[in-house]
PDB file of all heavy atoms in Angstrom:
ATOM      1  N   THR A   1      62.401 157.725  82.768  1.00  0.00           N
ATOM      2  CA  THR A   1      62.978 156.986  83.908  1.00  0.00           C
ATOM      3  C   THR A   1      61.954 155.786  84.283  1.00  0.00           C
ATOM      4  O   THR A   1      60.729 155.997  83.926  1.00  0.00           O
ATOM      5  CB  THR A   1      63.073 157.887  85.231  1.00  0.00           C
ATOM      6  OG1 THR A   1      61.799 158.474  85.271  1.00  0.00           O
ATOM      7  CG2 THR A   1      64.065 158.892  84.948  1.00  0.00           C
ATOM      8  N   GLU A   2      62.352 154.745  84.821  1.00  0.00           N
ATOM      9  CA  GLU A   2      61.696 153.623  85.014  1.00  0.00           C
ATOM     10  C   GLU A   2      61.838 153.047  86.423  1.00  0.00           C
ATOM     11  O   GLU A   2      62.938 152.843  86.900  1.00  0.00           O
ATOM     12  CB  GLU A   2      62.076 152.625  84.050  1.00  0.00           C
ATOM     13  CG  GLU A   2      61.259 151.302  84.086  1.00  0.00           C
ATOM     14  CD  GLU A   2      61.686 150.336  82.961  1.00  0.00           C
ATOM     15  OE1 GLU A   2      62.871 150.439  82.457  1.00  0.00           O
ATOM     16  OE2 GLU A   2      60.907 149.450  82.602  1.00  0.00           O
ATOM     17  N   PRO A   3      60.765 152.805  87.244  1.00  0.00           N
ATOM     18  CA  PRO A   3      60.913 152.308  88.512  1.00  0.00           C
ATOM     19  C   PRO A   3      61.187 150.859  88.615  1.00  0.00           C
ATOM     20  O   PRO A   3      60.847 150.088  87.657  1.00  0.00           O
ATOM     21  CB  PRO A   3      59.403 152.584  89.191  1.00  0.00           C
ATOM     22  CG  PRO A   3      58.638 152.687  87.947  1.00  0.00           C
ATOM     23  CD  PRO A   3      59.324 153.304  86.924  1.00  0.00           C
ATOM     24  N   ILE A   4      61.914 150.359  89.625  1.00  0.00           N
ATOM     25  CA  ILE A   4      62.223 148.930  89.713  1.00  0.00           C
ATOM     26  C   ILE A   4      61.179 148.432  90.865  1.00  0.00           C
ATOM     27  O   ILE A   4      61.047 148.966  91.787  1.00  0.00           O
ATOM     28  CB  ILE A   4      63.629 148.808  90.285  1.00  0.00           C
ATOM     29  CG1 ILE A   4      64.657 149.464  89.396  1.00  0.00           C
ATOM     30  CG2 ILE A   4      63.866 147.280  90.261  1.00  0.00           C
ATOM     31  CD1 ILE A   4      64.573 149.129  87.916  1.00  0.00           C
ATOM     32  N   LEU A   5      60.506 147.305  90.441  1.00  0.00           N
ATOM     33  CA  LEU A   5      59.413 146.875  91.336  1.00  0.00           C
ATOM     34  C   LEU A   5      59.843 145.427  91.996  1.00  0.00           C
ATOM     35  O   LEU A   5      60.654 144.690  91.373  1.00  0.00           O
ATOM     36  CB  LEU A   5      58.197 146.578  90.579  1.00  0.00           C
ATOM     37  CG  LEU A   5      57.604 147.809  89.821  1.00  0.00           C
ATOM     38  CD1 LEU A   5      56.345 147.395  88.998  1.00  0.00           C
ATOM     39  CD2 LEU A   5      57.301 148.883  90.778  1.00  0.00           C
ATOM     40  N   LEU A   6      59.380 145.230  93.200  1.00  0.00           N
ATOM     41  CA  LEU A   6      59.590 143.847  93.756  1.00  0.00           C
ATOM     42  C   LEU A   6      58.403 143.060  93.312  1.00  0.00           C
ATOM     43  O   LEU A   6      57.244 143.430  93.445  1.00  0.00           O
ATOM     44  CB  LEU A   6      59.594 143.944  95.243  1.00  0.00           C
ATOM     45  CG  LEU A   6      59.441 142.704  96.075  1.00  0.00           C
ATOM     46  CD1 LEU A   6      60.733 141.797  95.858  1.00  0.00           C
ATOM     47  CD2 LEU A   6      59.252 142.889  97.587  1.00  0.00           C
ATOM     48  N   GLY A   7      58.581 141.777  92.794  1.00  0.00           N
ATOM     49  CA  GLY A   7      57.533 140.920  92.374  1.00  0.00           C
ATOM     50  C   GLY A   7      57.647 139.613  93.230  1.00  0.00           C
ATOM     51  O   GLY A   7      58.640 139.034  93.338  1.00  0.00           O
ATOM     52  N   ILE A   8      56.511 139.200  93.650  1.00  0.00           N
ATOM     53  CA  ILE A   8      56.450 137.905  94.359  1.00  0.00           C
ATOM     54  C   ILE A   8      55.297 137.078  93.919  1.00  0.00           C
ATOM     55  O   ILE A   8      54.271 137.575  93.337  1.00  0.00           O
ATOM     56  CB  ILE A   8      56.306 138.124  95.948  1.00  0.00           C
ATOM     57  CG1 ILE A   8      54.905 138.695  96.249  1.00  0.00           C
ATOM     58  CG2 ILE A   8      57.417 138.992  96.437  1.00  0.00           C
ATOM     59  CD1 ILE A   8      54.612 138.848  97.702  1.00  0.00           C
ATOM     60  N   PRO A   9      55.408 135.700  93.940  1.00  0.00           N
ATOM     61  CA  PRO A   9      54.180 134.983  93.507  1.00  0.00           C
ATOM     62  C   PRO A   9      53.006 135.287  94.347  1.00  0.00           C
ATOM     63  O   PRO A   9      53.081 135.567  95.491  1.00  0.00           O
ATOM     64  CB  PRO A   9      54.645 133.534  93.796  1.00  0.00           C
ATOM     65  CG  PRO A   9      56.159 133.566  93.854  1.00  0.00           C
ATOM     66  CD  PRO A   9      56.525 134.948  94.471  1.00  0.00           C
ATOM     67  N   ARG A  10      51.816 135.327  93.637  1.00  0.00           N
ATOM     68  CA  ARG A  10      50.531 135.631  94.375  1.00  0.00           C
ATOM     69  C   ARG A  10      50.196 134.436  95.395  1.00  0.00           C
ATOM     70  O   ARG A  10      49.359 134.791  96.292  1.00  0.00           O
ATOM     71  CB  ARG A  10      49.420 135.713  93.367  1.00  0.00           C
ATOM     72  CG  ARG A  10      49.478 137.034  92.556  1.00  0.00           C
ATOM     73  CD  ARG A  10      48.311 137.782  92.682  1.00  0.00           C
ATOM     74  NE  ARG A  10      48.596 139.124  91.992  1.00  0.00           N
ATOM     75  CZ  ARG A  10      48.227 140.343  92.431  1.00  0.00           C
ATOM     76  NH1 ARG A  10      47.782 140.371  93.695  1.00  0.00           N
ATOM     77  NH2 ARG A  10      48.386 141.460  91.706  1.00  0.00           N
ATOM     78  N   SER A  11      50.888 133.309  95.353  1.00  0.00           N
ATOM     79  CA  SER A  11      50.661 132.391  96.320  1.00  0.00           C
ATOM     80  C   SER A  11      51.373 132.628  97.627  1.00  0.00           C
ATOM     81  O   SER A  11      51.232 131.917  98.695  1.00  0.00           O
ATOM     82  CB  SER A  11      51.051 131.025  95.757  1.00  0.00           C
ATOM     83  OG  SER A  11      52.444 130.999  95.370  1.00  0.00           O
ATOM     84  N   HIS A  12      52.364 133.559  97.619  1.00  0.00           N
ATOM     85  CA  HIS A  12      53.096 133.909  98.786  1.00  0.00           C
ATOM     86  C   HIS A  12      52.306 134.599  99.800  1.00  0.00           C
ATOM     87  O   HIS A  12      51.428 135.418  99.578  1.00  0.00           O
ATOM     88  CB  HIS A  12      54.274 134.902  98.366  1.00  0.00           C
ATOM     89  CG  HIS A  12      55.286 134.946  99.436  1.00  0.00           C
ATOM     90  ND1 HIS A  12      55.137 135.797 100.615  1.00  0.00           N
ATOM     91  CD2 HIS A  12      56.586 134.589  99.506  1.00  0.00           C
ATOM     92  CE1 HIS A  12      56.200 135.749 101.322  1.00  0.00           C
ATOM     93  NE2 HIS A  12      57.059 135.026 100.705  1.00  0.00           N
ATOM     94  N   PRO A  13      52.388 134.222 101.073  1.00  0.00           N
ATOM     95  CA  PRO A  13      51.610 134.898 102.245  1.00  0.00           C
ATOM     96  C   PRO A  13      51.552 136.370 102.252  1.00  0.00           C
ATOM     97  O   PRO A  13      50.627 137.014 102.378  1.00  0.00           O
ATOM     98  CB  PRO A  13      52.140 134.202 103.516  1.00  0.00           C
ATOM     99  CG  PRO A  13      52.860 132.963 103.080  1.00  0.00           C
ATOM    100  CD  PRO A  13      53.384 133.227 101.689  1.00  0.00           C
ATOM    101  N   LEU A  14      52.815 137.000 101.930  1.00  0.00           N
ATOM    102  CA  LEU A  14      52.769 138.372 101.891  1.00  0.00           C
ATOM    103  C   LEU A  14      52.145 139.048 100.752  1.00  0.00           C
ATOM    104  O   LEU A  14      51.984 140.277 100.708  1.00  0.00           O
ATOM    105  CB  LEU A  14      54.338 138.873 102.052  1.00  0.00           C
ATOM    106  CG  LEU A  14      55.056 138.613 103.346  1.00  0.00           C
ATOM    107  CD1 LEU A  14      56.443 138.891 103.341  1.00  0.00           C
ATOM    108  CD2 LEU A  14      54.358 139.451 104.484  1.00  0.00           C
ATOM    109  N   ALA A  15      51.719 138.259  99.796  1.00  0.00           N
ATOM    110  CA  ALA A  15      51.041 138.801  98.581  1.00  0.00           C
ATOM    111  C   ALA A  15      49.685 139.281  99.008  1.00  0.00           C
ATOM    112  O   ALA A  15      49.006 139.995  98.171  1.00  0.00           O
ATOM    113  CB  ALA A  15      50.982 137.760  97.486  1.00  0.00           C
ATOM    114  N   ALA A  16      49.231 138.961 100.195  1.00  0.00           N
ATOM    115  CA  ALA A  16      47.914 139.395 100.648  1.00  0.00           C
ATOM    116  C   ALA A  16      47.937 140.859 100.824  1.00  0.00           C
ATOM    117  O   ALA A  16      46.837 141.524 100.889  1.00  0.00           O
ATOM    118  CB  ALA A  16      47.479 138.780 102.023  1.00  0.00           C
ATOM    119  N   HIS A  17      49.177 141.467 100.952  1.00  0.00           N
ATOM    120  CA  HIS A  17      49.229 142.993 101.241  1.00  0.00           C
ATOM    121  C   HIS A  17      49.358 143.722  99.941  1.00  0.00           C
ATOM    122  O   HIS A  17      49.372 144.932  99.922  1.00  0.00           O
ATOM    123  CB  HIS A  17      50.423 143.240 102.096  1.00  0.00           C
ATOM    124  CG  HIS A  17      50.413 142.586 103.439  1.00  0.00           C
ATOM    125  ND1 HIS A  17      49.541 142.974 104.391  1.00  0.00           N
ATOM    126  CD2 HIS A  17      51.126 141.599 103.914  1.00  0.00           C
ATOM    127  CE1 HIS A  17      49.733 142.282 105.523  1.00  0.00           C
ATOM    128  NE2 HIS A  17      50.629 141.243 105.152  1.00  0.00           N
ATOM    129  N   ALA A  18      49.287 142.892  98.737  1.00  0.00           N
ATOM    130  CA  ALA A  18      49.491 143.612  97.532  1.00  0.00           C
ATOM    131  C   ALA A  18      48.094 144.051  97.039  1.00  0.00           C
ATOM    132  O   ALA A  18      47.058 143.595  97.454  1.00  0.00           O
ATOM    133  CB  ALA A  18      50.058 142.672  96.422  1.00  0.00           C
ATOM    134  N   ASN A  19      48.030 144.907  96.110  1.00  0.00           N
ATOM    135  CA  ASN A  19      46.779 145.357  95.479  1.00  0.00           C
ATOM    136  C   ASN A  19      46.369 144.328  94.478  1.00  0.00           C
ATOM    137  O   ASN A  19      47.194 143.573  94.037  1.00  0.00           O
ATOM    138  CB  ASN A  19      46.872 146.771  94.922  1.00  0.00           C
ATOM    139  CG  ASN A  19      46.947 147.842  95.973  1.00  0.00           C
ATOM    140  OD1 ASN A  19      46.555 147.563  97.097  1.00  0.00           O
ATOM    141  ND2 ASN A  19      47.571 149.038  95.628  1.00  0.00           N
ATOM    142  N   ALA A  20      45.075 144.556  93.877  1.00  0.00           N
ATOM    143  CA  ALA A  20      44.604 143.636  92.992  1.00  0.00           C
ATOM    144  C   ALA A  20      45.359 143.766  91.605  1.00  0.00           C
ATOM    145  O   ALA A  20      46.053 144.775  91.428  1.00  0.00           O
ATOM    146  CB  ALA A  20      43.053 143.898  92.638  1.00  0.00           C
ATOM    147  N   PRO A  21      45.348 142.764  90.694  1.00  0.00           N
ATOM    148  CA  PRO A  21      46.122 142.934  89.453  1.00  0.00           C
ATOM    149  C   PRO A  21      45.657 144.205  88.723  1.00  0.00           C
ATOM    150  O   PRO A  21      44.521 144.528  88.651  1.00  0.00           O
ATOM    151  CB  PRO A  21      45.715 141.795  88.754  1.00  0.00           C
ATOM    152  CG  PRO A  21      45.352 140.671  89.807  1.00  0.00           C
ATOM    153  CD  PRO A  21      44.769 141.443  90.886  1.00  0.00           C
ATOM    154  N   TYR A  22      46.688 144.882  88.168  1.00  0.00           N
ATOM    155  CA  TYR A  22      46.500 146.156  87.302  1.00  0.00           C
ATOM    156  C   TYR A  22      45.984 147.332  88.147  1.00  0.00           C
ATOM    157  O   TYR A  22      45.860 148.354  87.532  1.00  0.00           O
ATOM    158  CB  TYR A  22      45.587 145.719  86.125  1.00  0.00           C
ATOM    159  CG  TYR A  22      46.080 144.523  85.457  1.00  0.00           C
ATOM    160  CD1 TYR A  22      45.244 143.322  85.553  1.00  0.00           C
ATOM    161  CD2 TYR A  22      47.191 144.487  84.769  1.00  0.00           C
ATOM    162  CE1 TYR A  22      45.657 142.225  84.972  1.00  0.00           C
ATOM    163  CE2 TYR A  22      47.651 143.248  84.108  1.00  0.00           C
ATOM    164  CZ  TYR A  22      46.776 142.115  84.226  1.00  0.00           C
ATOM    165  OH  TYR A  22      47.258 141.017  83.734  1.00  0.00           O
ATOM    166  N   ALA A  23      45.966 147.162  89.369  1.00  0.00           N
ATOM    167  CA  ALA A  23      45.632 148.365  90.283  1.00  0.00           C
ATOM    168  C   ALA A  23      47.135 149.073  90.593  1.00  0.00           C
ATOM    169  O   ALA A  23      48.110 148.391  90.437  1.00  0.00           O
ATOM    170  CB  ALA A  23      44.897 147.893  91.577  1.00  0.00           C
ATOM    171  N   PRO A  24      47.048 150.255  91.121  1.00  0.00           N
ATOM    172  CA  PRO A  24      48.327 150.874  91.512  1.00  0.00           C
ATOM    173  C   PRO A  24      48.903 150.065  92.453  1.00  0.00           C
ATOM    174  O   PRO A  24      48.263 149.361  93.349  1.00  0.00           O
ATOM    175  CB  PRO A  24      47.799 152.254  92.175  1.00  0.00           C
ATOM    176  CG  PRO A  24      46.499 152.443  91.520  1.00  0.00           C
ATOM    177  CD  PRO A  24      45.878 151.211  91.303  1.00  0.00           C
ATOM    178  N   TYR A  25      50.284 150.036  92.473  1.00  0.00           N
ATOM    179  CA  TYR A  25      51.075 149.058  93.345  1.00  0.00           C
ATOM    180  C   TYR A  25      50.997 149.474  94.782  1.00  0.00           C
ATOM    181  O   TYR A  25      51.029 150.698  95.147  1.00  0.00           O
ATOM    182  CB  TYR A  25      52.464 149.019  92.862  1.00  0.00           C
ATOM    183  CG  TYR A  25      52.767 148.761  91.395  1.00  0.00           C
ATOM    184  CD1 TYR A  25      53.281 149.694  90.509  1.00  0.00           C
ATOM    185  CD2 TYR A  25      52.307 147.500  90.910  1.00  0.00           C
ATOM    186  CE1 TYR A  25      53.468 149.446  89.170  1.00  0.00           C
ATOM    187  CE2 TYR A  25      52.544 147.271  89.497  1.00  0.00           C
ATOM    188  CZ  TYR A  25      53.164 148.196  88.804  1.00  0.00           C
ATOM    189  OH  TYR A  25      53.199 147.955  87.336  1.00  0.00           O
ATOM    190  N   ALA A  26      50.908 148.469  95.623  1.00  0.00           N
ATOM    191  CA  ALA A  26      51.060 148.743  97.190  1.00  0.00           C
ATOM    192  C   ALA A  26      52.664 148.940  97.295  1.00  0.00           C
ATOM    193  O   ALA A  26      53.370 148.509  96.605  1.00  0.00           O
ATOM    194  CB  ALA A  26      50.519 147.687  97.911  1.00  0.00           C
ATOM    195  N   GLN A  27      53.015 149.415  98.491  1.00  0.00           N
ATOM    196  CA  GLN A  27      54.398 149.551  98.854  1.00  0.00           C
ATOM    197  C   GLN A  27      54.761 148.556 100.059  1.00  0.00           C
ATOM    198  O   GLN A  27      53.900 148.169 100.865  1.00  0.00           O
ATOM    199  CB  GLN A  27      54.672 150.942  99.352  1.00  0.00           C
ATOM    200  CG  GLN A  27      56.171 151.133  99.587  1.00  0.00           C
ATOM    201  CD  GLN A  27      56.498 152.724  99.898  1.00  0.00           C
ATOM    202  OE1 GLN A  27      56.670 153.094 101.076  1.00  0.00           O
ATOM    203  NE2 GLN A  27      56.512 153.531  98.941  1.00  0.00           N
ATOM    204  N   THR A  28      55.887 147.897 100.026  1.00  0.00           N
ATOM    205  CA  THR A  28      56.426 147.079 100.985  1.00  0.00           C
ATOM    206  C   THR A  28      57.884 147.443 101.291  1.00  0.00           C
ATOM    207  O   THR A  28      58.521 148.087 100.694  1.00  0.00           O
ATOM    208  CB  THR A  28      56.190 145.638 100.601  1.00  0.00           C
ATOM    209  OG1 THR A  28      56.325 144.883 101.727  1.00  0.00           O
ATOM    210  CG2 THR A  28      57.102 145.198  99.540  1.00  0.00           C
ATOM    211  N   ASP A  29      58.381 146.632 102.302  1.00  0.00           N
ATOM    212  CA  ASP A  29      59.774 146.892 102.718  1.00  0.00           C
ATOM    213  C   ASP A  29      60.544 145.585 102.332  1.00  0.00           C
ATOM    214  O   ASP A  29      60.083 144.426 102.602  1.00  0.00           O
ATOM    215  CB  ASP A  29      59.839 147.148 104.255  1.00  0.00           C
ATOM    216  CG  ASP A  29      61.254 147.691 104.571  1.00  0.00           C
ATOM    217  OD1 ASP A  29      62.297 146.949 104.396  1.00  0.00           O
ATOM    218  OD2 ASP A  29      61.338 148.863 105.012  1.00  0.00           O
ATOM    219  N   LEU A  30      61.640 145.721 101.697  1.00  0.00           N
ATOM    220  CA  LEU A  30      62.466 144.629 101.347  1.00  0.00           C
ATOM    221  C   LEU A  30      62.942 143.780 102.442  1.00  0.00           C
ATOM    222  O   LEU A  30      63.120 142.524 102.305  1.00  0.00           O
ATOM    223  CB  LEU A  30      63.672 145.100 100.478  1.00  0.00           C
ATOM    224  CG  LEU A  30      64.418 144.130  99.713  1.00  0.00           C
ATOM    225  CD1 LEU A  30      63.601 143.312  98.743  1.00  0.00           C
ATOM    226  CD2 LEU A  30      65.601 144.735  98.961  1.00  0.00           C
ATOM    227  N   SER A  31      63.076 144.317 103.628  1.00  0.00           N
ATOM    228  CA  SER A  31      63.640 143.491 104.734  1.00  0.00           C
ATOM    229  C   SER A  31      62.628 142.510 105.236  1.00  0.00           C
ATOM    230  O   SER A  31      63.147 141.504 105.748  1.00  0.00           O
ATOM    231  CB  SER A  31      63.891 144.606 106.033  1.00  0.00           C
ATOM    232  OG  SER A  31      62.545 145.173 106.376  1.00  0.00           O
ATOM    233  N   LEU A  32      61.446 142.479 104.783  1.00  0.00           N
ATOM    234  CA  LEU A  32      60.400 141.485 105.055  1.00  0.00           C
ATOM    235  C   LEU A  32      60.682 140.242 104.357  1.00  0.00           C
ATOM    236  O   LEU A  32      60.164 139.161 104.675  1.00  0.00           O
ATOM    237  CB  LEU A  32      58.963 141.979 104.780  1.00  0.00           C
ATOM    238  CG  LEU A  32      58.498 143.222 105.551  1.00  0.00           C
ATOM    239  CD1 LEU A  32      57.137 143.682 104.994  1.00  0.00           C
ATOM    240  CD2 LEU A  32      58.370 142.952 107.118  1.00  0.00           C
ATOM    241  N   PHE A  33      61.646 140.212 103.361  1.00  0.00           N
ATOM    242  CA  PHE A  33      61.724 139.109 102.400  1.00  0.00           C
ATOM    243  C   PHE A  33      63.199 138.484 102.628  1.00  0.00           C
ATOM    244  O   PHE A  33      63.676 137.853 101.730  1.00  0.00           O
ATOM    245  CB  PHE A  33      61.486 139.592 100.938  1.00  0.00           C
ATOM    246  CG  PHE A  33      60.190 139.960 100.752  1.00  0.00           C
ATOM    247  CD1 PHE A  33      59.809 141.312 101.111  1.00  0.00           C
ATOM    248  CD2 PHE A  33      59.306 139.152 100.229  1.00  0.00           C
ATOM    249  CE1 PHE A  33      58.428 141.738 100.813  1.00  0.00           C
ATOM    250  CE2 PHE A  33      57.854 139.607  99.996  1.00  0.00           C
ATOM    251  CZ  PHE A  33      57.521 140.832 100.266  1.00  0.00           C
ATOM    252  N   ALA A  34      63.721 138.821 103.824  1.00  0.00           N
ATOM    253  CA  ALA A  34      65.119 138.349 104.097  1.00  0.00           C
ATOM    254  C   ALA A  34      65.274 136.892 103.987  1.00  0.00           C
ATOM    255  O   ALA A  34      66.405 136.444 103.572  1.00  0.00           O
ATOM    256  CB  ALA A  34      65.645 138.862 105.456  1.00  0.00           C
ATOM    257  N   LYS A  35      64.293 136.104 104.274  1.00  0.00           N
ATOM    258  CA  LYS A  35      64.398 134.638 104.349  1.00  0.00           C
ATOM    259  C   LYS A  35      63.985 133.998 103.032  1.00  0.00           C
ATOM    260  O   LYS A  35      63.887 132.871 102.845  1.00  0.00           O
ATOM    261  CB  LYS A  35      63.605 134.039 105.430  1.00  0.00           C
ATOM    262  CG  LYS A  35      64.173 134.560 106.785  1.00  0.00           C
ATOM    263  CD  LYS A  35      63.395 133.784 108.050  1.00  0.00           C
ATOM    264  CE  LYS A  35      63.913 134.174 109.293  1.00  0.00           C
ATOM    265  NZ  LYS A  35      63.136 133.615 110.428  1.00  0.00           N
TER     266      LYS A  35
END
């Protein structure tokens, strides 16, 4: 089984909530990306 991930450019303001490259993934809510 394989998880589906949300990917955003690191230049995006919400990328500040992501973990560093190759670290375990942080979690976010898709509704934050409605626009």
